[in-house]
């Protein structure tokens, strides 16, 4: 039996589908979104932080709970390693 993770689900990210941005946003909206992204990248760089890429999974997917449990177990392991 798999051990239940101590870590809890939480919203950490905003994820916007590129096709939704293309379909629903004006040119100005896209410029603003790009400006926000560039500002965050620049300020993270100035703070000595890396730019990250992520893997996303929609919660409606049949495998979503498995993905959540994998992430939560990984968070638990990360916290254990930091002790």
C-alpha atoms as a PDB file:
ATOM      1  CA  UNK A   1       0.000   0.000   0.000  1.00  0.00           C
ATOM      2  CA  UNK A   2       1.283   3.482  -0.890  1.00  0.00           C
ATOM      3  CA  UNK A   3       1.907   5.899   1.963  1.00  0.00           C
ATOM      4  CA  UNK A   4      -0.466   8.879   1.988  1.00  0.00           C
ATOM      5  CA  UNK A   5       1.480  12.131   1.431  1.00  0.00           C
ATOM      6  CA  UNK A   6       1.628  14.798   4.156  1.00  0.00           C
ATOM      7  CA  UNK A   7       1.782  17.609   1.602  1.00  0.00           C
ATOM      8  CA  UNK A   8      -1.545  19.182   0.663  1.00  0.00           C
ATOM      9  CA  UNK A   9      -2.945  20.190  -2.701  1.00  0.00           C
ATOM     10  CA  UNK A  10      -2.621  23.896  -3.330  1.00  0.00           C
ATOM     11  CA  UNK A  11      -2.908  26.283  -6.245  1.00  0.00           C
ATOM     12  CA  UNK A  12       0.611  27.450  -7.084  1.00  0.00           C
ATOM     13  CA  UNK A  13       0.388  28.358 -10.752  1.00  0.00           C
ATOM     14  CA  UNK A  14      -1.725  30.108 -13.326  1.00  0.00           C
ATOM     15  CA  UNK A  15      -1.954  28.105 -16.521  1.00  0.00           C
ATOM     16  CA  UNK A  16      -3.394  29.616 -19.656  1.00  0.00           C
ATOM     17  CA  UNK A  17      -3.928  27.560 -22.763  1.00  0.00           C
ATOM     18  CA  UNK A  18      -2.203  29.102 -25.748  1.00  0.00           C
ATOM     19  CA  UNK A  19      -5.211  28.325 -27.946  1.00  0.00           C
ATOM     20  CA  UNK A  20      -7.483  30.171 -25.474  1.00  0.00           C
ATOM     21  CA  UNK A  21      -5.195  33.199 -25.474  1.00  0.00           C
ATOM     22  CA  UNK A  22      -5.201  33.212 -29.260  1.00  0.00           C
ATOM     23  CA  UNK A  23      -8.969  32.808 -29.457  1.00  0.00           C
ATOM     24  CA  UNK A  24     -10.207  35.048 -26.635  1.00  0.00           C
ATOM     25  CA  UNK A  25      -7.604  37.773 -26.128  1.00  0.00           C
ATOM     26  CA  UNK A  26      -7.153  40.975 -28.067  1.00  0.00           C
ATOM     27  CA  UNK A  27      -3.794  42.063 -29.411  1.00  0.00           C
ATOM     28  CA  UNK A  28      -3.502  44.414 -26.429  1.00  0.00           C
ATOM     29  CA  UNK A  29      -4.310  41.604 -23.969  1.00  0.00           C
ATOM     30  CA  UNK A  30      -1.554  39.484 -25.516  1.00  0.00           C
ATOM     31  CA  UNK A  31       0.908  42.389 -25.267  1.00  0.00           C
ATOM     32  CA  UNK A  32       0.034  42.892 -21.591  1.00  0.00           C
ATOM     33  CA  UNK A  33       0.417  39.198 -20.859  1.00  0.00           C
ATOM     34  CA  UNK A  34       3.779  39.153 -22.625  1.00  0.00           C
ATOM     35  CA  UNK A  35       4.895  42.223 -20.649  1.00  0.00           C
ATOM     36  CA  UNK A  36       3.971  40.517 -17.368  1.00  0.00           C
ATOM     37  CA  UNK A  37       5.864  37.378 -18.357  1.00  0.00           C
ATOM     38  CA  UNK A  38       8.964  39.356 -19.366  1.00  0.00           C
ATOM     39  CA  UNK A  39       8.874  41.385 -16.141  1.00  0.00           C
ATOM     40  CA  UNK A  40       8.757  38.216 -14.029  1.00  0.00           C
ATOM     41  CA  UNK A  41      11.585  36.600 -16.013  1.00  0.00           C
ATOM     42  CA  UNK A  42      13.764  39.721 -15.661  1.00  0.00           C
ATOM     43  CA  UNK A  43      13.116  40.148 -11.938  1.00  0.00           C
ATOM     44  CA  UNK A  44      13.717  36.444 -11.242  1.00  0.00           C
ATOM     45  CA  UNK A  45      17.014  36.756 -13.135  1.00  0.00           C
ATOM     46  CA  UNK A  46      17.985  39.798 -11.034  1.00  0.00           C
ATOM     47  CA  UNK A  47      17.164  37.791  -7.900  1.00  0.00           C
ATOM     48  CA  UNK A  48      19.439  34.993  -9.107  1.00  0.00           C
ATOM     49  CA  UNK A  49      16.558  32.608  -9.748  1.00  0.00           C
ATOM     50  CA  UNK A  50      16.223  30.291 -12.724  1.00  0.00           C
ATOM     51  CA  UNK A  51      13.456  30.363 -15.274  1.00  0.00           C
ATOM     52  CA  UNK A  52      11.499  27.129 -14.968  1.00  0.00           C
ATOM     53  CA  UNK A  53       9.359  25.069 -17.266  1.00  0.00           C
ATOM     54  CA  UNK A  54       6.528  22.930 -15.957  1.00  0.00           C
ATOM     55  CA  UNK A  55       4.432  19.915 -16.762  1.00  0.00           C
ATOM     56  CA  UNK A  56       0.683  20.546 -16.513  1.00  0.00           C
ATOM     57  CA  UNK A  57      -2.220  18.164 -16.154  1.00  0.00           C
ATOM     58  CA  UNK A  58      -5.889  19.096 -16.326  1.00  0.00           C
ATOM     59  CA  UNK A  59      -7.808  17.973 -13.242  1.00  0.00           C
ATOM     60  CA  UNK A  60     -10.513  16.596 -15.534  1.00  0.00           C
ATOM     61  CA  UNK A  61      -8.100  13.976 -16.887  1.00  0.00           C
ATOM     62  CA  UNK A  62      -8.658  10.402 -15.663  1.00  0.00           C
ATOM     63  CA  UNK A  63      -5.042  10.185 -14.463  1.00  0.00           C
ATOM     64  CA  UNK A  64      -5.101  13.533 -12.617  1.00  0.00           C
ATOM     65  CA  UNK A  65      -5.353  12.058  -9.114  1.00  0.00           C
ATOM     66  CA  UNK A  66      -2.344   9.816  -9.812  1.00  0.00           C
ATOM     67  CA  UNK A  67      -0.400  12.886 -10.919  1.00  0.00           C
ATOM     68  CA  UNK A  68      -1.442  14.764  -7.755  1.00  0.00           C
ATOM     69  CA  UNK A  69      -0.319  11.903  -5.524  1.00  0.00           C
ATOM     70  CA  UNK A  70       3.032  11.703  -7.309  1.00  0.00           C
ATOM     71  CA  UNK A  71       3.555  15.452  -6.845  1.00  0.00           C
ATOM     72  CA  UNK A  72       2.558  15.345  -3.169  1.00  0.00           C
ATOM     73  CA  UNK A  73       4.892  12.418  -2.456  1.00  0.00           C
ATOM     74  CA  UNK A  74       7.679  14.340  -4.206  1.00  0.00           C
ATOM     75  CA  UNK A  75       6.963  17.406  -2.051  1.00  0.00           C
ATOM     76  CA  UNK A  76       7.144  15.225   1.059  1.00  0.00           C
ATOM     77  CA  UNK A  77      10.499  13.819  -0.068  1.00  0.00           C
ATOM     78  CA  UNK A  78      11.791  17.310  -0.795  1.00  0.00           C
ATOM     79  CA  UNK A  79      10.854  18.473   2.704  1.00  0.00           C
ATOM     80  CA  UNK A  80      12.475  15.408   4.263  1.00  0.00           C
ATOM     81  CA  UNK A  81      15.697  16.100   2.347  1.00  0.00           C
ATOM     82  CA  UNK A  82      15.708  19.716   3.571  1.00  0.00           C
ATOM     83  CA  UNK A  83      15.769  18.615   7.225  1.00  0.00           C
END
